[in-house]
Amino acid sequence: MTADELAAAGEVAAGRGDHEGAVVAFRKAVFLDPDQPVVWFQLGVALGAVRDRRGARRAYSAALAALERCEPEAVEAGLDGWAADALAGLLRDRLGRP
């Protein structure tokens, strides 16, 4: 499976409430393509849902780092109308950073 297919599988699993399955799929997706800040964010949310706070923080940090490496326009294409700056702000909030 491709990183995009794995990310889609993670979204389906999360939508069904299968957070452990979502974690597995999102981890595989970011392993294959680590420059996907949205998928890193989704991994953080799924890890939070299975009560892995430390893992969620690491995923949010990785999402912020990936966001800084990517072109904002490319990221925004997958954000359904959200701005890359809004994602960055949300990630900083979750990490307790200004």
PDB file of N, CA and C in Angstrom:
ATOM      1  N   MET A   1       0.835  -1.190   0.000  1.00  0.00           N
ATOM      2  CA  MET A   1       0.000   0.000   0.000  1.00  0.00           C
ATOM      3  C   MET A   1       0.880   1.254   0.000  1.00  0.00           C
ATOM      4  N   THR A   2       0.366   2.312  -0.582  1.00  0.00           N
ATOM      5  CA  THR A   2       1.089   3.585  -0.594  1.00  0.00           C
ATOM      6  C   THR A   2       0.808   4.346   0.698  1.00  0.00           C
ATOM      7  N   ALA A   3       1.577   5.393   0.914  1.00  0.00           N
ATOM      8  CA  ALA A   3       1.364   6.234   2.091  1.00  0.00           C
ATOM      9  C   ALA A   3      -0.039   6.846   2.067  1.00  0.00           C
ATOM     10  N   ASP A   4      -0.485   7.278   0.898  1.00  0.00           N
ATOM     11  CA  ASP A   4      -1.828   7.856   0.789  1.00  0.00           C
ATOM     12  C   ASP A   4      -2.910   6.824   1.098  1.00  0.00           C
ATOM     13  N   GLU A   5      -2.726   5.609   0.615  1.00  0.00           N
ATOM     14  CA  GLU A   5      -3.703   4.550   0.886  1.00  0.00           C
ATOM     15  C   GLU A   5      -3.736   4.205   2.374  1.00  0.00           C
ATOM     16  N   LEU A   6      -2.566   4.175   2.998  1.00  0.00           N
ATOM     17  CA  LEU A   6      -2.504   3.887   4.429  1.00  0.00           C
ATOM     18  C   LEU A   6      -3.143   5.010   5.243  1.00  0.00           C
ATOM     19  N   ALA A   7      -2.903   6.250   4.834  1.00  0.00           N
ATOM     20  CA  ALA A   7      -3.527   7.380   5.520  1.00  0.00           C
ATOM     21  C   ALA A   7      -5.046   7.301   5.395  1.00  0.00           C
ATOM     22  N   ALA A   8      -5.528   6.950   4.210  1.00  0.00           N
ATOM     23  CA  ALA A   8      -6.976   6.802   4.010  1.00  0.00           C
ATOM     24  C   ALA A   8      -7.530   5.668   4.881  1.00  0.00           C
ATOM     25  N   ALA A   9      -6.785   4.576   4.988  1.00  0.00           N
ATOM     26  CA  ALA A   9      -7.208   3.464   5.840  1.00  0.00           C
ATOM     27  C   ALA A   9      -7.246   3.901   7.303  1.00  0.00           C
ATOM     28  N   GLY A  10      -6.288   4.735   7.696  1.00  0.00           N
ATOM     29  CA  GLY A  10      -6.288   5.263   9.064  1.00  0.00           C
ATOM     30  C   GLY A  10      -7.501   6.136   9.332  1.00  0.00           C
ATOM     31  N   GLU A  11      -7.880   6.940   8.343  1.00  0.00           N
ATOM     32  CA  GLU A  11      -9.064   7.778   8.490  1.00  0.00           C
ATOM     33  C   GLU A  11     -10.327   6.930   8.637  1.00  0.00           C
ATOM     34  N   VAL A  12     -10.414   5.861   7.855  1.00  0.00           N
ATOM     35  CA  VAL A  12     -11.573   4.968   7.938  1.00  0.00           C
ATOM     36  C   VAL A  12     -11.610   4.307   9.318  1.00  0.00           C
ATOM     37  N   ALA A  13     -10.470   3.816   9.770  1.00  0.00           N
ATOM     38  CA  ALA A  13     -10.413   3.169  11.081  1.00  0.00           C
ATOM     39  C   ALA A  13     -10.803   4.144  12.187  1.00  0.00           C
ATOM     40  N   ALA A  14     -10.273   5.357  12.124  1.00  0.00           N
ATOM     41  CA  ALA A  14     -10.607   6.358  13.141  1.00  0.00           C
ATOM     42  C   ALA A  14     -12.096   6.679  13.110  1.00  0.00           C
ATOM     43  N   GLY A  15     -12.653   6.772  11.913  1.00  0.00           N
ATOM     44  CA  GLY A  15     -14.076   7.052  11.779  1.00  0.00           C
ATOM     45  C   GLY A  15     -14.959   5.962  12.364  1.00  0.00           C
ATOM     46  N   ARG A  16     -14.454   4.734  12.353  1.00  0.00           N
ATOM     47  CA  ARG A  16     -15.192   3.605  12.932  1.00  0.00           C
ATOM     48  C   ARG A  16     -14.965   3.495  14.434  1.00  0.00           C
ATOM     49  N   GLY A  17     -14.061   4.318  14.962  1.00  0.00           N
ATOM     50  CA  GLY A  17     -13.736   4.225  16.385  1.00  0.00           C
ATOM     51  C   GLY A  17     -12.640   3.222  16.682  1.00  0.00           C
ATOM     52  N   ASP A  18     -11.995   2.701  15.649  1.00  0.00           N
ATOM     53  CA  ASP A  18     -10.891   1.759  15.808  1.00  0.00           C
ATOM     54  C   ASP A  18      -9.592   2.557  15.878  1.00  0.00           C
ATOM     55  N   HIS A  19      -9.340   3.140  17.038  1.00  0.00           N
ATOM     56  CA  HIS A  19      -8.190   4.031  17.178  1.00  0.00           C
ATOM     57  C   HIS A  19      -6.865   3.264  17.117  1.00  0.00           C
ATOM     58  N   GLU A  20      -6.853   2.040  17.620  1.00  0.00           N
ATOM     59  CA  GLU A  20      -5.618   1.247  17.529  1.00  0.00           C
ATOM     60  C   GLU A  20      -5.294   0.930  16.068  1.00  0.00           C
ATOM     61  N   GLY A  21      -6.307   0.594  15.294  1.00  0.00           N
ATOM     62  CA  GLY A  21      -6.101   0.357  13.867  1.00  0.00           C
ATOM     63  C   GLY A  21      -5.653   1.620  13.149  1.00  0.00           C
ATOM     64  N   ALA A  22      -6.203   2.761  13.576  1.00  0.00           N
ATOM     65  CA  ALA A  22      -5.803   4.042  12.987  1.00  0.00           C
ATOM     66  C   ALA A  22      -4.342   4.327  13.286  1.00  0.00           C
ATOM     67  N   VAL A  23      -3.921   4.059  14.517  1.00  0.00           N
ATOM     68  CA  VAL A  23      -2.513   4.278  14.886  1.00  0.00           C
ATOM     69  C   VAL A  23      -1.604   3.460  13.987  1.00  0.00           C
ATOM     70  N   VAL A  24      -1.938   2.198  13.790  1.00  0.00           N
ATOM     71  CA  VAL A  24      -1.110   1.322  12.962  1.00  0.00           C
ATOM     72  C   VAL A  24      -1.016   1.872  11.533  1.00  0.00           C
ATOM     73  N   ALA A  25      -2.161   2.230  10.961  1.00  0.00           N
ATOM     74  CA  ALA A  25      -2.167   2.718   9.576  1.00  0.00           C
ATOM     75  C   ALA A  25      -1.420   4.043   9.446  1.00  0.00           C
ATOM     76  N   PHE A  26      -1.666   4.974  10.364  1.00  0.00           N
ATOM     77  CA  PHE A  26      -0.989   6.271  10.276  1.00  0.00           C
ATOM     78  C   PHE A  26       0.514   6.132  10.496  1.00  0.00           C
ATOM     79  N   ARG A  27       0.928   5.243  11.400  1.00  0.00           N
ATOM     80  CA  ARG A  27       2.372   5.029  11.608  1.00  0.00           C
ATOM     81  C   ARG A  27       3.034   4.513  10.336  1.00  0.00           C
ATOM     82  N   LYS A  28       2.370   3.582   9.676  1.00  0.00           N
ATOM     83  CA  LYS A  28       2.928   3.053   8.429  1.00  0.00           C
ATOM     84  C   LYS A  28       2.992   4.147   7.365  1.00  0.00           C
ATOM     85  N   ALA A  29       1.964   4.992   7.324  1.00  0.00           N
ATOM     86  CA  ALA A  29       1.926   6.064   6.321  1.00  0.00           C
ATOM     87  C   ALA A  29       3.076   7.048   6.519  1.00  0.00           C
ATOM     88  N   VAL A  30       3.320   7.468   7.763  1.00  0.00           N
ATOM     89  CA  VAL A  30       4.398   8.444   7.993  1.00  0.00           C
ATOM     90  C   VAL A  30       5.778   7.801   7.875  1.00  0.00           C
ATOM     91  N   PHE A  31       5.848   6.487   8.062  1.00  0.00           N
ATOM     92  CA  PHE A  31       7.117   5.801   7.824  1.00  0.00           C
ATOM     93  C   PHE A  31       7.469   5.885   6.343  1.00  0.00           C
ATOM     94  N   LEU A  32       6.461   5.674   5.497  1.00  0.00           N
ATOM     95  CA  LEU A  32       6.697   5.716   4.057  1.00  0.00           C
ATOM     96  C   LEU A  32       6.894   7.135   3.533  1.00  0.00           C
ATOM     97  N   ASP A  33       6.204   8.100   4.141  1.00  0.00           N
ATOM     98  CA  ASP A  33       6.304   9.496   3.695  1.00  0.00           C
ATOM     99  C   ASP A  33       6.254  10.411   4.909  1.00  0.00           C
ATOM    100  N   PRO A  34       7.410  10.702   5.505  1.00  0.00           N
ATOM    101  CA  PRO A  34       7.438  11.502   6.729  1.00  0.00           C
ATOM    102  C   PRO A  34       7.127  12.993   6.534  1.00  0.00           C
ATOM    103  N   ASP A  35       7.001  13.448   5.309  1.00  0.00           N
ATOM    104  CA  ASP A  35       6.718  14.862   5.042  1.00  0.00           C
ATOM    105  C   ASP A  35       5.224  15.109   4.846  1.00  0.00           C
ATOM    106  N   GLN A  36       4.409  14.505   5.681  1.00  0.00           N
ATOM    107  CA  GLN A  36       2.955  14.653   5.625  1.00  0.00           C
ATOM    108  C   GLN A  36       2.452  15.170   6.976  1.00  0.00           C
ATOM    109  N   PRO A  37       2.463  16.480   7.181  1.00  0.00           N
ATOM    110  CA  PRO A  37       2.085  17.010   8.489  1.00  0.00           C
ATOM    111  C   PRO A  37       0.665  16.648   8.910  1.00  0.00           C
ATOM    112  N   VAL A  38      -0.250  16.559   7.970  1.00  0.00           N
ATOM    113  CA  VAL A  38      -1.637  16.229   8.327  1.00  0.00           C
ATOM    114  C   VAL A  38      -1.715  14.799   8.859  1.00  0.00           C
ATOM    115  N   VAL A  39      -0.971  13.885   8.261  1.00  0.00           N
ATOM    116  CA  VAL A  39      -0.992  12.498   8.714  1.00  0.00           C
ATOM    117  C   VAL A  39      -0.315  12.381  10.076  1.00  0.00           C
ATOM    118  N   TRP A  40       0.756  13.115  10.288  1.00  0.00           N
ATOM    119  CA  TRP A  40       1.378  13.146  11.619  1.00  0.00           C
ATOM    120  C   TRP A  40       0.377  13.659  12.657  1.00  0.00           C
ATOM    121  N   PHE A  41      -0.375  14.705  12.304  1.00  0.00           N
ATOM    122  CA  PHE A  41      -1.389  15.229  13.209  1.00  0.00           C
ATOM    123  C   PHE A  41      -2.446  14.166  13.500  1.00  0.00           C
ATOM    124  N   GLN A  42      -2.910  13.482  12.448  1.00  0.00           N
ATOM    125  CA  GLN A  42      -3.912  12.435  12.638  1.00  0.00           C
ATOM    126  C   GLN A  42      -3.366  11.312  13.526  1.00  0.00           C
ATOM    127  N   LEU A  43      -2.094  10.988  13.367  1.00  0.00           N
ATOM    128  CA  LEU A  43      -1.465   9.995  14.234  1.00  0.00           C
ATOM    129  C   LEU A  43      -1.495  10.473  15.678  1.00  0.00           C
ATOM    130  N   GLY A  44      -1.187  11.739  15.895  1.00  0.00           N
ATOM    131  CA  GLY A  44      -1.225  12.286  17.253  1.00  0.00           C
ATOM    132  C   GLY A  44      -2.609  12.200  17.864  1.00  0.00           C
ATOM    133  N   VAL A  45      -3.623  12.510  17.091  1.00  0.00           N
ATOM    134  CA  VAL A  45      -5.004  12.417  17.587  1.00  0.00           C
ATOM    135  C   VAL A  45      -5.334  10.969  17.943  1.00  0.00           C
ATOM    136  N   ALA A  46      -4.970  10.030  17.060  1.00  0.00           N
ATOM    137  CA  ALA A  46      -5.252   8.612  17.317  1.00  0.00           C
ATOM    138  C   ALA A  46      -4.500   8.116  18.548  1.00  0.00           C
ATOM    139  N   LEU A  47      -3.248   8.544  18.697  1.00  0.00           N
ATOM    140  CA  LEU A  47      -2.486   8.152  19.886  1.00  0.00           C
ATOM    141  C   LEU A  47      -3.117   8.728  21.150  1.00  0.00           C
ATOM    142  N   GLY A  48      -3.599   9.945  21.068  1.00  0.00           N
ATOM    143  CA  GLY A  48      -4.299  10.522  22.216  1.00  0.00           C
ATOM    144  C   GLY A  48      -5.544   9.721  22.563  1.00  0.00           C
ATOM    145  N   ALA A  49      -6.230   9.225  21.549  1.00  0.00           N
ATOM    146  CA  ALA A  49      -7.449   8.446  21.778  1.00  0.00           C
ATOM    147  C   ALA A  49      -7.156   7.112  22.470  1.00  0.00           C
ATOM    148  N   VAL A  50      -5.946   6.565  22.283  1.00  0.00           N
ATOM    149  CA  VAL A  50      -5.572   5.328  22.975  1.00  0.00           C
ATOM    150  C   VAL A  50      -4.750   5.635  24.227  1.00  0.00           C
ATOM    151  N   ARG A  51      -4.778   6.882  24.623  1.00  0.00           N
ATOM    152  CA  ARG A  51      -4.163   7.367  25.864  1.00  0.00           C
ATOM    153  C   ARG A  51      -2.636   7.253  25.893  1.00  0.00           C
ATOM    154  N   ASP A  52      -2.022   7.432  24.738  1.00  0.00           N
ATOM    155  CA  ASP A  52      -0.562   7.479  24.654  1.00  0.00           C
ATOM    156  C   ASP A  52      -0.170   8.949  24.491  1.00  0.00           C
ATOM    157  N   ARG A  53      -0.144   9.654  25.593  1.00  0.00           N
ATOM    158  CA  ARG A  53       0.131  11.101  25.551  1.00  0.00           C
ATOM    159  C   ARG A  53       1.534  11.400  25.058  1.00  0.00           C
ATOM    160  N   ARG A  54       2.495  10.634  25.493  1.00  0.00           N
ATOM    161  CA  ARG A  54       3.878  10.864  25.059  1.00  0.00           C
ATOM    162  C   ARG A  54       4.000  10.658  23.553  1.00  0.00           C
ATOM    163  N   GLY A  55       3.405   9.594  23.048  1.00  0.00           N
ATOM    164  CA  GLY A  55       3.431   9.341  21.613  1.00  0.00           C
ATOM    165  C   GLY A  55       2.712  10.429  20.834  1.00  0.00           C
ATOM    166  N   ALA A  56       1.591  10.903  21.387  1.00  0.00           N
ATOM    167  CA  ALA A  56       0.840  11.975  20.728  1.00  0.00           C
ATOM    168  C   ALA A  56       1.692  13.236  20.637  1.00  0.00           C
ATOM    169  N   ARG A  57       2.392  13.583  21.701  1.00  0.00           N
ATOM    170  CA  ARG A  57       3.256  14.772  21.676  1.00  0.00           C
ATOM    171  C   ARG A  57       4.360  14.625  20.641  1.00  0.00           C
ATOM    172  N   ARG A  58       4.939  13.435  20.553  1.00  0.00           N
ATOM    173  CA  ARG A  58       5.985  13.207  19.543  1.00  0.00           C
ATOM    174  C   ARG A  58       5.413  13.356  18.134  1.00  0.00           C
ATOM    175  N   ALA A  59       4.209  12.839  17.936  1.00  0.00           N
ATOM    176  CA  ALA A  59       3.581  12.956  16.614  1.00  0.00           C
ATOM    177  C   ALA A  59       3.274  14.416  16.290  1.00  0.00           C
ATOM    178  N   TYR A  60       2.797  15.189  17.273  1.00  0.00           N
ATOM    179  CA  TYR A  60       2.523  16.607  17.040  1.00  0.00           C
ATOM    180  C   TYR A  60       3.812  17.362  16.732  1.00  0.00           C
ATOM    181  N   SER A  61       4.899  17.023  17.424  1.00  0.00           N
ATOM    182  CA  SER A  61       6.191  17.656  17.129  1.00  0.00           C
ATOM    183  C   SER A  61       6.648  17.318  15.716  1.00  0.00           C
ATOM    184  N   ALA A  62       6.477  16.060  15.330  1.00  0.00           N
ATOM    185  CA  ALA A  62       6.848  15.647  13.978  1.00  0.00           C
ATOM    186  C   ALA A  62       5.975  16.343  12.942  1.00  0.00           C
ATOM    187  N   ALA A  63       4.698  16.547  13.258  1.00  0.00           N
ATOM    188  CA  ALA A  63       3.793  17.251  12.343  1.00  0.00           C
ATOM    189  C   ALA A  63       4.257  18.687  12.146  1.00  0.00           C
ATOM    190  N   LEU A  64       4.641  19.336  13.228  1.00  0.00           N
ATOM    191  CA  LEU A  64       5.104  20.720  13.136  1.00  0.00           C
ATOM    192  C   LEU A  64       6.396  20.793  12.328  1.00  0.00           C
ATOM    193  N   ALA A  65       7.304  19.859  12.554  1.00  0.00           N
ATOM    194  CA  ALA A  65       8.560  19.834  11.790  1.00  0.00           C
ATOM    195  C   ALA A  65       8.282  19.581  10.310  1.00  0.00           C
ATOM    196  N   ALA A  66       7.387  18.653  10.004  1.00  0.00           N
ATOM    197  CA  ALA A  66       7.042  18.378   8.607  1.00  0.00           C
ATOM    198  C   ALA A  66       6.376  19.584   7.966  1.00  0.00           C
ATOM    199  N   LEU A  67       5.553  20.281   8.734  1.00  0.00           N
ATOM    200  CA  LEU A  67       4.875  21.471   8.216  1.00  0.00           C
ATOM    201  C   LEU A  67       5.884  22.547   7.846  1.00  0.00           C
ATOM    202  N   GLU A  68       6.937  22.667   8.643  1.00  0.00           N
ATOM    203  CA  GLU A  68       7.969  23.664   8.372  1.00  0.00           C
ATOM    204  C   GLU A  68       8.801  23.303   7.136  1.00  0.00           C
ATOM    205  N   ARG A  69       8.849  22.019   6.773  1.00  0.00           N
ATOM    206  CA  ARG A  69       9.601  21.576   5.592  1.00  0.00           C
ATOM    207  C   ARG A  69       8.796  21.683   4.304  1.00  0.00           C
ATOM    208  N   CYS A  70       7.492  21.755   4.417  1.00  0.00           N
ATOM    209  CA  CYS A  70       6.608  21.704   3.247  1.00  0.00           C
ATOM    210  C   CYS A  70       6.182  23.090   2.791  1.00  0.00           C
ATOM    211  N   GLU A  71       5.796  23.162   1.529  1.00  0.00           N
ATOM    212  CA  GLU A  71       5.214  24.386   0.984  1.00  0.00           C
ATOM    213  C   GLU A  71       3.790  24.510   1.538  1.00  0.00           C
ATOM    214  N   PRO A  72       3.410  25.678   2.067  1.00  0.00           N
ATOM    215  CA  PRO A  72       2.068  25.839   2.633  1.00  0.00           C
ATOM    216  C   PRO A  72       0.946  25.489   1.660  1.00  0.00           C
ATOM    217  N   GLU A  73       1.122  25.830   0.402  1.00  0.00           N
ATOM    218  CA  GLU A  73       0.075  25.549  -0.585  1.00  0.00           C
ATOM    219  C   GLU A  73      -0.159  24.049  -0.735  1.00  0.00           C
ATOM    220  N   ALA A  74       0.904  23.267  -0.694  1.00  0.00           N
ATOM    221  CA  ALA A  74       0.768  21.821  -0.830  1.00  0.00           C
ATOM    222  C   ALA A  74       0.028  21.233   0.376  1.00  0.00           C
ATOM    223  N   VAL A  75       0.318  21.750   1.552  1.00  0.00           N
ATOM    224  CA  VAL A  75      -0.343  21.274   2.768  1.00  0.00           C
ATOM    225  C   VAL A  75      -1.811  21.672   2.760  1.00  0.00           C
ATOM    226  N   GLU A  76      -2.085  22.904   2.372  1.00  0.00           N
ATOM    227  CA  GLU A  76      -3.452  23.418   2.397  1.00  0.00           C
ATOM    228  C   GLU A  76      -4.372  22.656   1.451  1.00  0.00           C
ATOM    229  N   ALA A  77      -3.816  22.050   0.424  1.00  0.00           N
ATOM    230  CA  ALA A  77      -4.634  21.264  -0.509  1.00  0.00           C
ATOM    231  C   ALA A  77      -5.322  20.109   0.206  1.00  0.00           C
ATOM    232  N   GLY A  78      -4.724  19.600   1.283  1.00  0.00           N
ATOM    233  CA  GLY A  78      -5.309  18.500   2.030  1.00  0.00           C
ATOM    234  C   GLY A  78      -5.996  18.911   3.308  1.00  0.00           C
ATOM    235  N   LEU A  79      -6.203  20.203   3.504  1.00  0.00           N
ATOM    236  CA  LEU A  79      -6.771  20.687   4.769  1.00  0.00           C
ATOM    237  C   LEU A  79      -8.230  21.138   4.668  1.00  0.00           C
ATOM    238  N   ASP A  80      -8.883  20.861   3.558  1.00  0.00           N
ATOM    239  CA  ASP A  80     -10.302  21.195   3.395  1.00  0.00           C
ATOM    240  C   ASP A  80     -10.617  22.638   3.775  1.00  0.00           C
ATOM    241  N   GLY A  81      -9.838  23.569   3.217  1.00  0.00           N
ATOM    242  CA  GLY A  81     -10.111  24.986   3.428  1.00  0.00           C
ATOM    243  C   GLY A  81      -9.389  25.616   4.606  1.00  0.00           C
ATOM    244  N   TRP A  82      -8.712  24.839   5.405  1.00  0.00           N
ATOM    245  CA  TRP A  82      -7.938  25.392   6.523  1.00  0.00           C
ATOM    246  C   TRP A  82      -6.605  25.905   5.991  1.00  0.00           C
ATOM    247  N   ALA A  83      -6.046  26.868   6.673  1.00  0.00           N
ATOM    248  CA  ALA A  83      -4.728  27.398   6.321  1.00  0.00           C
ATOM    249  C   ALA A  83      -3.643  26.615   7.057  1.00  0.00           C
ATOM    250  N   ALA A  84      -2.484  26.531   6.445  1.00  0.00           N
ATOM    251  CA  ALA A  84      -1.352  25.852   7.081  1.00  0.00           C
ATOM    252  C   ALA A  84      -1.007  26.530   8.401  1.00  0.00           C
ATOM    253  N   ASP A  85      -1.152  27.851   8.465  1.00  0.00           N
ATOM    254  CA  ASP A  85      -0.892  28.574   9.718  1.00  0.00           C
ATOM    255  C   ASP A  85      -1.833  28.138  10.827  1.00  0.00           C
ATOM    256  N   ALA A  86      -3.077  27.822  10.467  1.00  0.00           N
ATOM    257  CA  ALA A  86      -4.044  27.362  11.474  1.00  0.00           C
ATOM    258  C   ALA A  86      -3.610  26.006  12.032  1.00  0.00           C
ATOM    259  N   LEU A  87      -3.128  25.119  11.158  1.00  0.00           N
ATOM    260  CA  LEU A  87      -2.628  23.826  11.629  1.00  0.00           C
ATOM    261  C   LEU A  87      -1.416  24.030  12.523  1.00  0.00           C
ATOM    262  N   ALA A  88      -0.519  24.913  12.124  1.00  0.00           N
ATOM    263  CA  ALA A  88       0.667  25.186  12.942  1.00  0.00           C
ATOM    264  C   ALA A  88       0.259  25.711  14.317  1.00  0.00           C
ATOM    265  N   GLY A  89      -0.716  26.601  14.363  1.00  0.00           N
ATOM    266  CA  GLY A  89      -1.194  27.122  15.639  1.00  0.00           C
ATOM    267  C   GLY A  89      -1.808  26.044  16.507  1.00  0.00           C
ATOM    268  N   LEU A  90      -2.589  25.168  15.907  1.00  0.00           N
ATOM    269  CA  LEU A  90      -3.194  24.059  16.648  1.00  0.00           C
ATOM    270  C   LEU A  90      -2.118  23.135  17.207  1.00  0.00           C
ATOM    271  N   LEU A  91      -1.113  22.842  16.394  1.00  0.00           N
ATOM    272  CA  LEU A  91      -0.020  21.981  16.855  1.00  0.00           C
ATOM    273  C   LEU A  91       0.738  22.629  18.006  1.00  0.00           C
ATOM    274  N   ARG A  92       1.017  23.922  17.890  1.00  0.00           N
ATOM    275  CA  ARG A  92       1.720  24.621  18.984  1.00  0.00           C
ATOM    276  C   ARG A  92       0.882  24.603  20.257  1.00  0.00           C
ATOM    277  N   ASP A  93      -0.430  24.786  20.121  1.00  0.00           N
ATOM    278  CA  ASP A  93      -1.311  24.723  21.291  1.00  0.00           C
ATOM    279  C   ASP A  93      -1.234  23.347  21.954  1.00  0.00           C
ATOM    280  N   ARG A  94      -1.291  22.311  21.147  1.00  0.00           N
ATOM    281  CA  ARG A  94      -1.258  20.952  21.700  1.00  0.00           C
ATOM    282  C   ARG A  94       0.087  20.644  22.360  1.00  0.00           C
ATOM    283  N   LEU A  95       1.122  21.326  21.879  1.00  0.00           N
ATOM    284  CA  LEU A  95       2.462  21.123  22.464  1.00  0.00           C
ATOM    285  C   LEU A  95       2.754  22.118  23.587  1.00  0.00           C
ATOM    286  N   GLY A  96       1.870  23.067  23.795  1.00  0.00           N
ATOM    287  CA  GLY A  96       2.090  24.072  24.827  1.00  0.00           C
ATOM    288  C   GLY A  96       3.177  25.060  24.466  1.00  0.00           C
ATOM    289  N   ARG A  97       3.322  25.315  23.168  1.00  0.00           N
ATOM    290  CA  ARG A  97       4.335  26.277  22.683  1.00  0.00           C
ATOM    291  C   ARG A  97       3.662  27.561  22.245  1.00  0.00           C
ATOM    292  N   PRO A  98       4.364  28.684  22.415  1.00  0.00           N
ATOM    293  CA  PRO A  98       3.786  29.965  21.950  1.00  0.00           C
ATOM    294  C   PRO A  98       3.825  30.101  20.437  1.00  0.00           C
TER     295      PRO A  98
END
